[in-house]
N, C-alpha and C. Protein backbone atom coordinates (compact mmCIF):
# COMPACT_ATOMS: atom_id res chain seq x y z
N MET A 1 0.82 -1.20 0.00
CA MET A 1 0.00 0.00 0.00
C MET A 1 0.87 1.26 0.00
N SER A 2 1.91 1.29 0.83
CA SER A 2 2.78 2.44 0.91
C SER A 2 3.50 2.67 -0.42
N GLU A 3 3.94 1.58 -1.06
CA GLU A 3 4.63 1.71 -2.34
C GLU A 3 3.70 2.30 -3.39
N GLU A 4 2.43 1.89 -3.35
CA GLU A 4 1.45 2.43 -4.29
C GLU A 4 1.25 3.92 -4.04
N LEU A 5 1.16 4.31 -2.78
CA LEU A 5 0.99 5.72 -2.44
C LEU A 5 2.20 6.53 -2.86
N GLU A 6 3.40 5.97 -2.66
CA GLU A 6 4.62 6.65 -3.06
C GLU A 6 4.61 6.90 -4.57
N ALA A 7 4.21 5.88 -5.33
CA ALA A 7 4.17 6.00 -6.79
C ALA A 7 3.17 7.08 -7.21
N ARG A 8 2.02 7.09 -6.57
CA ARG A 8 1.01 8.11 -6.89
C ARG A 8 1.48 9.50 -6.50
N LEU A 9 2.20 9.58 -5.38
CA LEU A 9 2.71 10.88 -4.93
C LEU A 9 3.68 11.45 -5.96
N ARG A 10 4.48 10.58 -6.54
CA ARG A 10 5.45 11.03 -7.54
C ARG A 10 4.78 11.50 -8.82
N GLN A 11 3.50 11.20 -8.93
CA GLN A 11 2.71 11.70 -10.06
C GLN A 11 1.96 12.99 -9.70
N GLY A 12 2.20 13.45 -8.45
CA GLY A 12 1.55 14.68 -8.02
C GLY A 12 0.15 14.49 -7.49
N ASP A 13 -0.18 13.27 -7.04
CA ASP A 13 -1.51 12.95 -6.54
C ASP A 13 -1.68 13.50 -5.12
N GLU A 14 -2.56 14.49 -4.96
CA GLU A 14 -2.76 15.09 -3.65
C GLU A 14 -3.47 14.16 -2.67
N GLN A 15 -4.28 13.24 -3.18
CA GLN A 15 -4.93 12.27 -2.29
C GLN A 15 -3.88 11.32 -1.70
N ALA A 16 -2.88 10.98 -2.49
CA ALA A 16 -1.78 10.15 -1.98
C ALA A 16 -1.00 10.92 -0.92
N LEU A 17 -0.82 12.22 -1.16
CA LEU A 17 -0.13 13.06 -0.17
C LEU A 17 -0.89 13.05 1.15
N ALA A 18 -2.21 13.21 1.08
CA ALA A 18 -3.03 13.21 2.30
C ALA A 18 -2.91 11.88 3.04
N ALA A 19 -2.93 10.78 2.27
CA ALA A 19 -2.85 9.45 2.89
C ALA A 19 -1.49 9.22 3.54
N LEU A 20 -0.42 9.63 2.86
CA LEU A 20 0.92 9.45 3.41
C LEU A 20 1.16 10.36 4.61
N PHE A 21 0.62 11.57 4.56
CA PHE A 21 0.77 12.47 5.70
C PHE A 21 0.07 11.90 6.92
N THR A 22 -1.11 11.34 6.70
CA THR A 22 -1.84 10.70 7.80
C THR A 22 -1.05 9.52 8.35
N GLN A 23 -0.43 8.77 7.46
CA GLN A 23 0.36 7.60 7.87
C GLN A 23 1.56 8.03 8.72
N HIS A 24 2.21 9.12 8.32
CA HIS A 24 3.41 9.58 9.03
C HIS A 24 3.10 10.55 10.17
N ARG A 25 1.85 10.93 10.33
CA ARG A 25 1.48 11.96 11.30
C ARG A 25 1.96 11.67 12.72
N PRO A 26 1.76 10.45 13.26
CA PRO A 26 2.23 10.19 14.63
C PRO A 26 3.74 10.40 14.78
N HIS A 27 4.50 10.00 13.76
CA HIS A 27 5.95 10.16 13.82
C HIS A 27 6.32 11.64 13.74
N LEU A 28 5.66 12.38 12.85
CA LEU A 28 5.92 13.81 12.73
C LEU A 28 5.53 14.55 14.01
N PHE A 29 4.45 14.11 14.65
CA PHE A 29 4.03 14.71 15.92
C PHE A 29 5.12 14.52 16.97
N LYS A 30 5.71 13.34 17.01
CA LYS A 30 6.77 13.05 17.97
C LYS A 30 7.98 13.94 17.72
N ILE A 31 8.30 14.15 16.45
CA ILE A 31 9.44 15.00 16.10
C ILE A 31 9.18 16.44 16.53
N ILE A 32 7.98 16.95 16.27
CA ILE A 32 7.64 18.31 16.70
C ILE A 32 7.73 18.42 18.22
N SER A 33 7.19 17.45 18.93
CA SER A 33 7.19 17.49 20.39
C SER A 33 8.60 17.55 20.94
N PHE A 34 9.53 16.86 20.27
CA PHE A 34 10.92 16.88 20.71
C PHE A 34 11.59 18.22 20.40
N ARG A 35 11.33 18.75 19.22
CA ARG A 35 12.01 19.96 18.77
C ARG A 35 11.36 21.25 19.26
N LEU A 36 10.16 21.18 19.77
CA LEU A 36 9.39 22.38 20.11
C LEU A 36 10.06 23.17 21.23
N ASP A 37 10.36 24.43 20.96
CA ASP A 37 10.96 25.31 21.95
C ASP A 37 10.00 25.46 23.13
N PRO A 38 10.49 25.37 24.37
CA PRO A 38 9.61 25.48 25.55
C PRO A 38 8.77 26.74 25.56
N ARG A 39 9.32 27.84 25.03
CA ARG A 39 8.56 29.09 24.98
C ARG A 39 7.38 28.98 24.02
N LEU A 40 7.62 28.29 22.92
CA LEU A 40 6.57 28.14 21.91
C LEU A 40 5.53 27.12 22.35
N ALA A 41 5.95 26.14 23.14
CA ALA A 41 5.03 25.09 23.58
C ALA A 41 3.90 25.64 24.42
N GLN A 42 4.13 26.80 25.06
CA GLN A 42 3.09 27.42 25.87
C GLN A 42 2.08 28.19 25.03
N ARG A 43 2.37 28.36 23.75
CA ARG A 43 1.54 29.18 22.89
C ARG A 43 0.93 28.42 21.71
N VAL A 44 1.58 27.32 21.29
CA VAL A 44 1.20 26.65 20.05
C VAL A 44 0.95 25.16 20.29
N ASP A 45 -0.10 24.64 19.67
CA ASP A 45 -0.41 23.21 19.73
C ASP A 45 0.31 22.51 18.57
N PRO A 46 1.04 21.41 18.85
CA PRO A 46 1.71 20.68 17.77
C PRO A 46 0.78 20.29 16.63
N GLU A 47 -0.47 20.02 16.94
CA GLU A 47 -1.43 19.66 15.89
C GLU A 47 -1.63 20.82 14.91
N ASP A 48 -1.59 22.04 15.41
CA ASP A 48 -1.72 23.21 14.53
C ASP A 48 -0.51 23.32 13.60
N ILE A 49 0.66 22.99 14.13
CA ILE A 49 1.87 23.00 13.31
C ILE A 49 1.78 21.94 12.23
N LEU A 50 1.28 20.77 12.59
CA LEU A 50 1.11 19.70 11.61
C LEU A 50 0.14 20.10 10.51
N GLN A 51 -0.94 20.74 10.87
CA GLN A 51 -1.91 21.17 9.87
C GLN A 51 -1.29 22.18 8.91
N GLU A 52 -0.52 23.10 9.46
CA GLU A 52 0.15 24.10 8.62
C GLU A 52 1.19 23.43 7.72
N ALA A 53 1.87 22.41 8.26
CA ALA A 53 2.87 21.68 7.47
C ALA A 53 2.23 20.94 6.31
N PHE A 54 1.05 20.37 6.54
CA PHE A 54 0.35 19.67 5.46
C PHE A 54 -0.03 20.63 4.34
N LEU A 55 -0.50 21.80 4.70
CA LEU A 55 -0.86 22.80 3.70
C LEU A 55 0.38 23.23 2.91
N ALA A 56 1.52 23.34 3.62
CA ALA A 56 2.77 23.70 2.94
C ALA A 56 3.19 22.59 1.98
N ALA A 57 3.01 21.33 2.40
CA ALA A 57 3.36 20.20 1.55
C ALA A 57 2.53 20.20 0.27
N GLN A 58 1.28 20.56 0.38
CA GLN A 58 0.41 20.64 -0.80
C GLN A 58 0.96 21.64 -1.82
N THR A 59 1.40 22.78 -1.33
CA THR A 59 1.89 23.82 -2.25
C THR A 59 3.27 23.47 -2.82
N ARG A 60 4.01 22.59 -2.13
CA ARG A 60 5.37 22.26 -2.57
C ARG A 60 5.46 20.88 -3.22
N LEU A 61 4.33 20.27 -3.48
CA LEU A 61 4.32 18.91 -4.02
C LEU A 61 5.08 18.83 -5.34
N VAL A 62 5.03 19.89 -6.12
CA VAL A 62 5.72 19.89 -7.41
C VAL A 62 7.22 19.70 -7.23
N HIS A 63 7.77 20.19 -6.13
CA HIS A 63 9.20 20.03 -5.88
C HIS A 63 9.55 18.57 -5.58
N PHE A 64 8.65 17.88 -4.88
CA PHE A 64 8.89 16.46 -4.60
C PHE A 64 8.84 15.66 -5.90
N VAL A 65 7.90 15.98 -6.76
CA VAL A 65 7.75 15.27 -8.03
C VAL A 65 9.01 15.39 -8.88
N LYS A 66 9.70 16.53 -8.78
CA LYS A 66 10.89 16.77 -9.58
C LYS A 66 12.13 16.07 -9.04
N ASP A 67 12.04 15.50 -7.83
CA ASP A 67 13.20 14.85 -7.20
C ASP A 67 12.92 13.36 -7.04
N PRO A 68 13.31 12.53 -8.02
CA PRO A 68 13.01 11.10 -7.97
C PRO A 68 13.70 10.35 -6.84
N MET A 69 14.73 10.94 -6.23
CA MET A 69 15.47 10.27 -5.17
C MET A 69 14.91 10.61 -3.78
N ALA A 70 13.92 11.48 -3.73
CA ALA A 70 13.41 11.93 -2.44
C ALA A 70 12.65 10.84 -1.71
N SER A 71 12.74 10.86 -0.38
CA SER A 71 11.94 9.99 0.48
C SER A 71 10.75 10.80 0.93
N SER A 72 9.55 10.27 0.79
CA SER A 72 8.36 11.03 1.17
C SER A 72 8.39 11.40 2.65
N PHE A 73 8.83 10.47 3.51
CA PHE A 73 8.86 10.77 4.93
C PHE A 73 9.86 11.87 5.24
N LEU A 74 11.10 11.76 4.71
CA LEU A 74 12.11 12.77 4.98
C LEU A 74 11.70 14.12 4.39
N TRP A 75 11.02 14.09 3.26
CA TRP A 75 10.52 15.33 2.66
C TRP A 75 9.48 15.97 3.57
N LEU A 76 8.54 15.17 4.09
CA LEU A 76 7.52 15.69 5.00
C LEU A 76 8.14 16.15 6.31
N ARG A 77 9.15 15.44 6.77
CA ARG A 77 9.85 15.85 7.99
C ARG A 77 10.49 17.22 7.79
N LEU A 78 11.15 17.41 6.65
CA LEU A 78 11.80 18.68 6.37
C LEU A 78 10.79 19.82 6.34
N ILE A 79 9.68 19.61 5.66
CA ILE A 79 8.64 20.64 5.59
C ILE A 79 8.08 20.94 6.98
N THR A 80 7.90 19.89 7.78
CA THR A 80 7.38 20.07 9.13
C THR A 80 8.33 20.90 9.98
N LEU A 81 9.63 20.62 9.89
CA LEU A 81 10.61 21.39 10.67
C LEU A 81 10.72 22.82 10.16
N GLN A 82 10.60 23.01 8.84
CA GLN A 82 10.61 24.37 8.30
C GLN A 82 9.38 25.15 8.79
N THR A 83 8.25 24.46 8.85
CA THR A 83 7.03 25.09 9.37
C THR A 83 7.20 25.47 10.83
N LEU A 84 7.81 24.57 11.60
CA LEU A 84 8.07 24.85 13.01
C LEU A 84 8.95 26.09 13.17
N GLN A 85 9.96 26.20 12.32
CA GLN A 85 10.83 27.38 12.36
C GLN A 85 10.07 28.65 11.99
N ASP A 86 9.20 28.54 11.00
CA ASP A 86 8.39 29.69 10.59
C ASP A 86 7.49 30.16 11.73
N VAL A 87 6.87 29.19 12.41
CA VAL A 87 5.98 29.52 13.53
C VAL A 87 6.78 30.18 14.65
N TYR A 88 7.96 29.64 14.92
CA TYR A 88 8.80 30.21 15.97
C TYR A 88 9.16 31.66 15.63
N ARG A 89 9.58 31.89 14.38
CA ARG A 89 9.98 33.25 13.99
C ARG A 89 8.81 34.23 14.10
N ARG A 90 7.62 33.76 13.74
CA ARG A 90 6.45 34.64 13.84
C ARG A 90 6.21 35.09 15.27
N HIS A 91 6.33 34.15 16.20
CA HIS A 91 6.08 34.48 17.61
C HIS A 91 7.23 35.29 18.20
N ALA A 92 8.45 34.95 17.80
CA ALA A 92 9.62 35.65 18.35
C ALA A 92 9.71 37.08 17.85
N SER A 93 9.26 37.32 16.62
CA SER A 93 9.37 38.66 16.05
C SER A 93 8.13 39.52 16.33
N ALA A 94 7.07 38.88 16.82
CA ALA A 94 5.86 39.65 17.12
C ALA A 94 6.13 40.62 18.27
N LYS A 95 5.31 41.64 18.35
CA LYS A 95 5.49 42.63 19.41
C LYS A 95 4.90 42.11 20.71
N GLN A 96 5.55 41.06 21.20
CA GLN A 96 5.12 40.43 22.45
C GLN A 96 6.34 40.43 23.36
N ARG A 97 6.46 41.44 24.18
CA ARG A 97 7.68 41.64 24.96
C ARG A 97 8.01 40.49 25.87
N ASP A 98 6.99 39.71 26.24
CA ASP A 98 7.24 38.65 27.23
C ASP A 98 7.59 37.32 26.60
N PHE A 99 7.72 37.24 25.25
CA PHE A 99 7.98 35.94 24.62
C PHE A 99 9.27 35.31 25.15
N ASN A 100 10.34 36.10 25.21
CA ASN A 100 11.61 35.56 25.66
C ASN A 100 11.64 35.27 27.16
N ARG A 101 10.57 35.69 27.89
CA ARG A 101 10.49 35.37 29.31
C ARG A 101 9.52 34.25 29.59
N ASP A 102 8.92 33.71 28.50
CA ASP A 102 7.91 32.68 28.68
C ASP A 102 8.49 31.31 29.01
N VAL A 103 9.80 31.13 28.82
CA VAL A 103 10.41 29.84 29.09
C VAL A 103 10.27 29.50 30.57
N ALA A 104 9.94 28.26 30.84
CA ALA A 104 9.78 27.82 32.23
C ALA A 104 11.10 27.96 32.98
N MET A 105 11.01 28.14 34.27
CA MET A 105 12.21 28.37 35.07
C MET A 105 13.12 27.16 35.12
N ASP A 106 12.57 25.97 34.85
CA ASP A 106 13.40 24.77 34.91
C ASP A 106 13.77 24.28 33.52
N ALA A 107 13.69 25.16 32.51
CA ALA A 107 14.02 24.77 31.15
C ALA A 107 15.34 25.40 30.73
N PHE A 108 16.02 24.73 29.83
CA PHE A 108 17.30 25.20 29.32
C PHE A 108 17.06 26.03 28.07
N SER A 109 17.77 27.13 27.92
CA SER A 109 17.65 27.94 26.72
C SER A 109 19.02 28.14 26.11
N GLY A 110 19.06 28.25 24.80
CA GLY A 110 20.33 28.43 24.11
C GLY A 110 20.08 28.70 22.65
N ASN A 111 21.16 28.86 21.88
CA ASN A 111 21.02 29.19 20.47
C ASN A 111 20.96 27.96 19.58
N ASP A 112 21.46 26.84 20.05
CA ASP A 112 21.48 25.61 19.27
C ASP A 112 20.19 24.84 19.54
N GLN A 113 19.31 24.75 18.55
CA GLN A 113 18.01 24.12 18.74
C GLN A 113 18.13 22.68 19.22
N THR A 114 19.06 21.93 18.64
CA THR A 114 19.21 20.53 19.03
C THR A 114 19.69 20.40 20.46
N SER A 115 20.64 21.24 20.85
CA SER A 115 21.13 21.21 22.23
C SER A 115 20.02 21.52 23.22
N VAL A 116 19.22 22.54 22.89
CA VAL A 116 18.10 22.91 23.76
C VAL A 116 17.14 21.73 23.92
N ALA A 117 16.81 21.10 22.80
CA ALA A 117 15.88 19.97 22.84
C ALA A 117 16.45 18.81 23.64
N LEU A 118 17.73 18.52 23.46
CA LEU A 118 18.35 17.40 24.18
C LEU A 118 18.42 17.67 25.67
N VAL A 119 18.86 18.86 26.05
CA VAL A 119 19.00 19.19 27.47
C VAL A 119 17.65 19.14 28.17
N ASN A 120 16.65 19.76 27.56
CA ASN A 120 15.33 19.77 28.19
C ASN A 120 14.74 18.37 28.30
N ARG A 121 14.96 17.52 27.29
CA ARG A 121 14.45 16.16 27.35
C ARG A 121 15.19 15.33 28.39
N LEU A 122 16.51 15.48 28.47
CA LEU A 122 17.30 14.73 29.45
C LEU A 122 16.98 15.18 30.87
N ALA A 123 16.70 16.46 31.03
CA ALA A 123 16.37 16.97 32.36
C ALA A 123 15.09 16.35 32.88
N VAL A 124 14.15 16.10 31.99
CA VAL A 124 12.89 15.46 32.39
C VAL A 124 13.15 14.05 32.89
N ARG A 125 14.10 13.36 32.25
CA ARG A 125 14.40 11.97 32.62
C ARG A 125 15.26 11.87 33.87
N GLY A 126 15.92 12.97 34.23
CA GLY A 126 16.81 12.93 35.37
C GLY A 126 16.07 12.99 36.69
N PRO A 127 16.82 13.06 37.80
CA PRO A 127 16.19 13.15 39.13
C PRO A 127 15.41 14.44 39.28
N SER A 128 14.56 14.51 40.27
CA SER A 128 13.71 15.68 40.48
C SER A 128 14.13 16.41 41.75
N PRO A 129 15.07 17.34 41.64
CA PRO A 129 15.51 18.09 42.82
C PRO A 129 14.36 18.86 43.45
N ALA A 130 14.45 19.03 44.75
CA ALA A 130 13.36 19.68 45.48
C ALA A 130 13.33 21.18 45.25
N SER A 131 14.49 21.79 45.04
CA SER A 131 14.55 23.24 44.93
C SER A 131 14.79 23.68 43.48
N ILE A 132 14.41 24.90 43.19
CA ILE A 132 14.64 25.47 41.86
C ILE A 132 16.14 25.58 41.61
N ALA A 133 16.91 25.95 42.62
CA ALA A 133 18.35 26.10 42.46
C ALA A 133 18.99 24.77 42.09
N ALA A 134 18.56 23.69 42.75
CA ALA A 134 19.10 22.37 42.45
C ALA A 134 18.72 21.94 41.04
N ARG A 135 17.50 22.30 40.64
CA ARG A 135 17.05 21.97 39.29
C ARG A 135 17.89 22.69 38.25
N ARG A 136 18.17 23.95 38.50
CA ARG A 136 18.99 24.71 37.57
C ARG A 136 20.41 24.16 37.51
N ASP A 137 20.92 23.71 38.64
CA ASP A 137 22.25 23.12 38.67
C ASP A 137 22.29 21.84 37.84
N LEU A 138 21.24 21.03 37.96
CA LEU A 138 21.14 19.80 37.18
C LEU A 138 21.14 20.10 35.69
N ILE A 139 20.32 21.07 35.28
CA ILE A 139 20.22 21.44 33.88
C ILE A 139 21.55 21.99 33.37
N SER A 140 22.22 22.75 34.22
CA SER A 140 23.53 23.29 33.83
C SER A 140 24.52 22.17 33.58
N ARG A 141 24.49 21.15 34.43
CA ARG A 141 25.40 20.01 34.25
C ARG A 141 25.11 19.28 32.94
N ILE A 142 23.84 19.08 32.66
CA ILE A 142 23.47 18.41 31.42
C ILE A 142 23.91 19.25 30.22
N GLY A 143 23.70 20.57 30.32
CA GLY A 143 24.10 21.47 29.24
C GLY A 143 25.60 21.41 28.98
N GLU A 144 26.39 21.33 30.05
CA GLU A 144 27.84 21.24 29.90
C GLU A 144 28.22 19.95 29.18
N PHE A 145 27.54 18.85 29.52
CA PHE A 145 27.82 17.58 28.87
C PHE A 145 27.48 17.65 27.38
N ILE A 146 26.30 18.15 27.07
CA ILE A 146 25.86 18.22 25.68
C ILE A 146 26.80 19.09 24.86
N SER A 147 27.29 20.17 25.45
CA SER A 147 28.18 21.08 24.73
C SER A 147 29.52 20.43 24.40
N GLN A 148 29.86 19.36 25.10
CA GLN A 148 31.12 18.67 24.85
C GLN A 148 31.03 17.74 23.63
N LEU A 149 29.81 17.41 23.22
CA LEU A 149 29.64 16.56 22.06
C LEU A 149 29.82 17.37 20.78
N GLU A 150 30.36 16.74 19.76
CA GLU A 150 30.45 17.40 18.47
C GLU A 150 29.04 17.65 17.94
N PRO A 151 28.82 18.74 17.22
CA PRO A 151 27.48 19.03 16.70
C PRO A 151 26.85 17.87 15.95
N ILE A 152 27.63 17.17 15.14
CA ILE A 152 27.07 16.06 14.37
C ILE A 152 26.65 14.92 15.28
N ASP A 153 27.37 14.72 16.40
CA ASP A 153 27.00 13.68 17.35
C ASP A 153 25.71 14.05 18.10
N ARG A 154 25.54 15.34 18.37
CA ARG A 154 24.28 15.77 18.98
C ARG A 154 23.12 15.49 18.03
N GLU A 155 23.34 15.75 16.75
CA GLU A 155 22.29 15.50 15.77
C GLU A 155 22.01 14.00 15.64
N VAL A 156 23.04 13.19 15.67
CA VAL A 156 22.86 11.75 15.57
C VAL A 156 22.00 11.24 16.72
N ILE A 157 22.28 11.69 17.93
CA ILE A 157 21.47 11.30 19.09
C ILE A 157 20.03 11.76 18.92
N ALA A 158 19.88 13.01 18.50
CA ALA A 158 18.53 13.56 18.32
C ALA A 158 17.75 12.77 17.27
N LEU A 159 18.39 12.49 16.15
CA LEU A 159 17.71 11.82 15.04
C LEU A 159 17.40 10.36 15.35
N ARG A 160 18.39 9.65 15.88
CA ARG A 160 18.20 8.22 16.11
C ARG A 160 17.41 7.94 17.38
N HIS A 161 17.77 8.62 18.47
CA HIS A 161 17.23 8.26 19.78
C HIS A 161 15.89 8.92 20.08
N TYR A 162 15.72 10.16 19.62
CA TYR A 162 14.50 10.89 19.96
C TYR A 162 13.53 11.03 18.78
N GLU A 163 14.06 11.28 17.59
CA GLU A 163 13.17 11.32 16.43
C GLU A 163 12.88 9.93 15.88
N GLU A 164 13.68 8.95 16.32
CA GLU A 164 13.50 7.55 15.94
C GLU A 164 13.61 7.34 14.43
N LEU A 165 14.57 8.01 13.81
CA LEU A 165 14.88 7.76 12.41
C LEU A 165 15.75 6.51 12.30
N SER A 166 15.69 5.84 11.18
CA SER A 166 16.55 4.69 10.94
C SER A 166 17.97 5.18 10.68
N ASN A 167 18.91 4.25 10.68
CA ASN A 167 20.29 4.65 10.41
C ASN A 167 20.43 5.21 9.01
N SER A 168 19.76 4.60 8.03
CA SER A 168 19.86 5.09 6.66
C SER A 168 19.23 6.48 6.53
N GLU A 169 18.11 6.70 7.22
CA GLU A 169 17.47 8.02 7.18
C GLU A 169 18.36 9.06 7.84
N THR A 170 18.98 8.69 8.96
CA THR A 170 19.88 9.61 9.65
C THR A 170 21.05 9.99 8.76
N ALA A 171 21.63 8.99 8.08
CA ALA A 171 22.75 9.25 7.18
C ALA A 171 22.35 10.21 6.06
N ARG A 172 21.14 10.04 5.53
CA ARG A 172 20.69 10.91 4.44
C ARG A 172 20.46 12.33 4.94
N VAL A 173 19.89 12.47 6.12
CA VAL A 173 19.67 13.81 6.68
C VAL A 173 20.99 14.53 6.91
N LEU A 174 21.99 13.79 7.41
CA LEU A 174 23.27 14.40 7.75
C LEU A 174 24.23 14.46 6.56
N GLY A 175 23.90 13.73 5.49
CA GLY A 175 24.77 13.72 4.32
C GLY A 175 26.07 12.97 4.54
N ILE A 176 26.01 11.87 5.32
CA ILE A 176 27.19 11.05 5.57
C ILE A 176 26.88 9.59 5.22
N GLN A 177 27.91 8.77 5.20
CA GLN A 177 27.73 7.35 4.91
C GLN A 177 27.01 6.65 6.06
N GLU A 178 26.26 5.60 5.73
CA GLU A 178 25.51 4.87 6.76
C GLU A 178 26.44 4.30 7.82
N LYS A 179 27.60 3.78 7.42
CA LYS A 179 28.54 3.21 8.39
C LYS A 179 29.02 4.28 9.36
N ALA A 180 29.30 5.46 8.84
CA ALA A 180 29.75 6.56 9.70
C ALA A 180 28.65 6.97 10.67
N ALA A 181 27.42 7.00 10.18
CA ALA A 181 26.28 7.36 11.04
C ALA A 181 26.12 6.34 12.16
N SER A 182 26.27 5.07 11.84
CA SER A 182 26.13 4.00 12.83
C SER A 182 27.22 4.10 13.89
N ILE A 183 28.46 4.32 13.46
CA ILE A 183 29.58 4.41 14.40
C ILE A 183 29.39 5.60 15.34
N ARG A 184 29.02 6.72 14.76
CA ARG A 184 28.81 7.92 15.57
C ARG A 184 27.69 7.72 16.57
N TYR A 185 26.63 7.05 16.15
CA TYR A 185 25.50 6.85 17.06
C TYR A 185 25.89 5.96 18.23
N MET A 186 26.57 4.87 17.96
CA MET A 186 26.95 3.96 19.04
C MET A 186 27.89 4.66 20.03
N ARG A 187 28.79 5.47 19.50
CA ARG A 187 29.73 6.19 20.37
C ARG A 187 29.00 7.24 21.20
N ALA A 188 28.14 8.00 20.56
CA ALA A 188 27.40 9.05 21.26
C ALA A 188 26.41 8.46 22.25
N LEU A 189 25.79 7.34 21.89
CA LEU A 189 24.82 6.70 22.78
C LEU A 189 25.50 6.21 24.06
N LYS A 190 26.72 5.69 23.94
CA LYS A 190 27.44 5.24 25.13
C LYS A 190 27.70 6.42 26.06
N ARG A 191 28.09 7.54 25.50
CA ARG A 191 28.33 8.72 26.33
C ARG A 191 27.03 9.21 26.96
N LEU A 192 25.94 9.09 26.22
CA LEU A 192 24.64 9.51 26.75
C LEU A 192 24.23 8.60 27.91
N LYS A 193 24.44 7.30 27.79
CA LYS A 193 24.11 6.37 28.86
C LYS A 193 24.95 6.63 30.11
N ASP A 194 26.22 6.97 29.89
CA ASP A 194 27.09 7.31 31.02
C ASP A 194 26.55 8.53 31.76
N LEU A 195 26.07 9.51 30.99
CA LEU A 195 25.51 10.70 31.61
C LEU A 195 24.28 10.37 32.43
N MET A 196 23.38 9.55 31.87
CA MET A 196 22.17 9.20 32.59
C MET A 196 22.48 8.45 33.86
N ALA A 197 23.52 7.62 33.84
CA ALA A 197 23.93 6.90 35.04
C ALA A 197 24.40 7.90 36.11
N GLN A 198 25.13 8.93 35.67
CA GLN A 198 25.57 9.97 36.62
C GLN A 198 24.39 10.72 37.20
N LEU A 199 23.40 11.00 36.37
CA LEU A 199 22.20 11.70 36.85
C LEU A 199 21.43 10.86 37.84
N ASP A 200 21.33 9.55 37.55
CA ASP A 200 20.65 8.65 38.46
C ASP A 200 21.33 8.61 39.83
N SER A 201 22.66 8.65 39.79
CA SER A 201 23.41 8.61 41.05
C SER A 201 23.18 9.90 41.85
N LEU A 202 22.97 11.01 41.17
CA LEU A 202 22.65 12.26 41.86
C LEU A 202 21.33 12.14 42.59
N GLY A 203 20.38 11.42 41.96
CA GLY A 203 19.09 11.26 42.58
C GLY A 203 19.14 10.36 43.80
N ASP A 204 20.13 9.46 43.85
CA ASP A 204 20.27 8.54 44.98
C ASP A 204 21.05 9.15 46.14
N SER A 205 21.77 10.24 45.85
CA SER A 205 22.64 10.81 46.90
C SER A 205 21.86 11.68 47.86
């Protein structure tokens, strides 16, 4: 069924686009939930972003048709992330003075979207300090660890572990060989597990 839909999509069939978007919707929702800036999460529903992304995909379908090597899922993922960025820019540039203060007190903020997403997600999995100061210290420690990883390794963790992309999909997104993507993931995942073990020990102390 998926192969048939892919073939129809390559012919510019909008009904096939709707069917494939519905098929990938849960996965795209998970990706948005991971990447969503904490400040934006207080203002925007991921479902609204998905709806806007679908409308964008409809207008850009001709570009997919012209690229025979494209993966429908990775194409929809790209459009979804571009839509997320567009929504973020609209809110950040609006005359809303409190947007940059909307981030929760226990959330990490920074310029690297992937680092922000990783730190905030890891902080949720870590121990739950009783005080705000302890919580901030925990997040700071996680941020220091994440900053020590190479940017491509941060992306590998984000793509494989949180966005749940396959190794081949990860390699295509990053523009590297599948073997290199696999090696980087295993290495980065080991470091990530070591960090979580350290966080767990903090909760026991």
